[in-house]
Protein backbone atom coordinates (compact mmCIF):
# COMPACT_ATOMS: atom_id res chain seq x y z
CA MET A 1 83.28 96.70 100.21
CA LYS A 2 85.02 100.01 102.76
CA PRO A 3 87.11 102.19 100.78
CA VAL A 4 90.78 100.73 100.33
CA GLN A 5 93.70 103.28 100.56
CA ILE A 6 96.44 102.42 97.66
CA SER A 7 99.80 103.29 97.39
CA GLU A 8 101.02 104.70 93.54
CA ALA A 9 103.05 101.92 93.20
CA GLU A 10 100.03 99.58 94.36
CA SER A 11 98.11 101.52 91.93
CA GLN A 12 99.79 99.91 89.07
CA VAL A 13 99.97 96.60 89.92
CA MET A 14 96.56 96.74 90.50
CA GLU A 15 96.49 97.80 86.76
CA VAL A 16 97.41 94.67 85.13
CA LEU A 17 95.38 92.90 87.47
CA TRP A 18 92.10 95.21 86.35
CA THR A 19 93.05 94.69 82.57
CA GLY A 20 93.21 90.71 82.71
CA SER A 21 93.00 88.34 85.45
CA PRO A 22 93.89 85.68 87.16
CA ARG A 23 97.75 85.83 87.12
CA THR A 24 100.68 85.01 88.41
CA ALA A 25 103.09 86.97 90.05
CA GLU A 26 105.71 86.52 87.44
CA ASP A 27 102.51 87.50 84.64
CA VAL A 28 102.77 90.92 86.93
CA VAL A 29 106.56 91.24 86.92
CA ALA A 30 106.70 90.58 83.11
CA ALA A 31 103.60 93.04 82.59
CA LEU A 32 105.40 95.91 84.48
CA SER A 33 108.70 95.30 83.74
CA ASP A 34 108.41 97.94 80.48
CA GLN A 35 106.87 100.69 83.03
CA GLN A 36 108.54 100.04 85.94
CA PRO A 37 112.57 98.54 86.56
CA TRP A 38 111.35 96.79 89.97
CA GLN A 39 112.83 93.48 91.37
CA GLU A 40 109.95 90.57 91.67
CA ALA A 41 110.46 90.67 94.91
CA THR A 42 109.58 94.26 95.01
CA ILE A 43 106.18 93.46 93.45
CA LYS A 44 105.71 90.18 95.46
CA THR A 45 105.82 92.57 98.31
CA LEU A 46 103.18 95.36 96.81
CA LEU A 47 101.14 91.61 96.23
CA ASN A 48 101.21 90.61 99.93
CA ARG A 49 100.17 94.52 100.99
CA LEU A 50 96.99 94.40 98.42
CA LEU A 51 96.21 91.08 99.85
CA LYS A 52 96.50 92.13 103.92
CA LYS A 53 94.58 95.56 102.54
CA GLY A 54 91.42 93.63 101.15
CA ALA A 55 92.13 94.58 97.18
CA LEU A 56 93.35 91.21 96.25
CA ARG A 57 92.58 88.13 96.45
CA ALA A 58 95.09 85.37 95.65
CA ASP A 59 93.90 81.35 94.83
CA ARG A 60 96.67 78.48 94.72
CA ASP A 61 96.97 76.81 91.90
CA GLY A 62 99.59 74.08 92.36
CA ARG A 63 102.70 75.29 93.93
CA ARG A 64 101.63 79.25 92.35
CA PHE A 65 98.84 81.68 93.33
CA LEU A 66 96.83 83.30 90.67
CA TYR A 67 95.88 87.06 91.77
CA ALA A 68 92.76 88.61 90.98
CA PRO A 69 91.36 91.86 92.01
CA LEU A 70 88.66 92.26 94.76
CA LEU A 71 88.77 95.62 94.22
CA THR A 72 86.62 97.17 91.17
CA ARG A 73 88.38 99.71 89.48
CA ASP A 74 85.34 101.87 89.71
CA GLN A 75 85.37 101.63 93.45
CA TRP A 76 89.06 102.56 93.76
CA VAL A 77 88.53 105.38 91.14
CA VAL A 78 85.16 106.94 93.15
CA ALA A 79 86.76 107.02 96.35
CA GLU A 80 90.39 108.42 95.38
CA SER A 81 87.94 111.00 93.56
CA SER A 82 85.92 111.51 96.61
CA SER A 83 88.90 111.47 98.75
CA MET A 84 90.90 114.29 96.53
CA VAL A 85 87.46 116.71 96.43
CA GLU A 86 87.08 116.41 100.05
CA ARG A 87 90.77 117.37 100.56
CA LEU A 88 91.36 120.20 98.22
CA PHE A 89 87.92 121.70 97.63
CA GLY A 90 85.67 121.10 100.98
CA GLY A 91 84.12 118.42 99.16
CA ARG A 92 82.62 120.76 96.38
CA ILE A 93 82.80 119.56 92.80
CA ALA A 94 81.96 123.34 91.48
CA PRO A 95 85.38 124.67 92.67
CA LEU A 96 87.68 122.13 91.14
CA VAL A 97 86.23 123.12 87.84
CA ALA A 98 86.81 126.70 88.16
CA HIS A 99 90.38 125.42 89.24
CA PHE A 100 90.91 124.06 86.33
CA GLY A 101 89.34 126.69 84.44
CA GLN A 102 91.20 129.18 85.54
CA HIS A 103 94.44 127.11 85.07
CA GLY A 104 93.49 126.66 81.30
CA LYS A 105 92.99 123.01 82.06
CA LEU A 106 89.58 122.76 80.11
CA SER A 107 89.61 122.30 76.40
CA ALA A 108 86.53 123.61 74.26
CA SER A 109 85.35 120.13 74.19
CA ASP A 110 85.77 119.86 77.95
CA LEU A 111 83.70 122.94 78.02
CA ASP A 112 81.00 121.36 75.54
CA GLU A 113 81.26 118.20 77.26
CA LEU A 114 80.41 119.78 81.05
CA LYS A 115 77.57 121.65 79.80
CA ARG A 116 76.02 118.86 78.00
CA LEU A 117 76.81 116.45 81.91
CA VAL A 118 75.08 119.87 83.69
CA GLN A 119 72.10 119.74 81.27
CA LYS A 120 71.33 116.24 81.90
CA LEU A 121 71.57 116.38 85.39
CA SER A 122 69.31 119.44 85.32
CA ASP A 123 66.89 117.56 83.08
CA GLY A 124 66.87 114.71 85.53
CA LYS A 125 65.98 116.59 88.39
């Protein structure tokens, strides 16, 4: 599947569907009601945008539709993270890690995990 660009608002709708689907529009509205003050019409608009982008499918169930993701969360995370690394760090991971290190965003456990990852990757080559 080709990468699908989804907005922040659309990603919140997708998170609801990734946690359980298929769901009706009303189910999505109920799931988001604690997080967002959005009206039902706004959520239906977001669902329709996601349908047009190919991120969702909608199956008719009587007089309503059941929505389910076609885009997996993993596919979305890969596309988003690759895009961000490319835009901000020229596609290189080392400057990204250095950036977080310089700004105090890496804990001791993060550093230990990074060391284990690098060692595992080095052993695998």
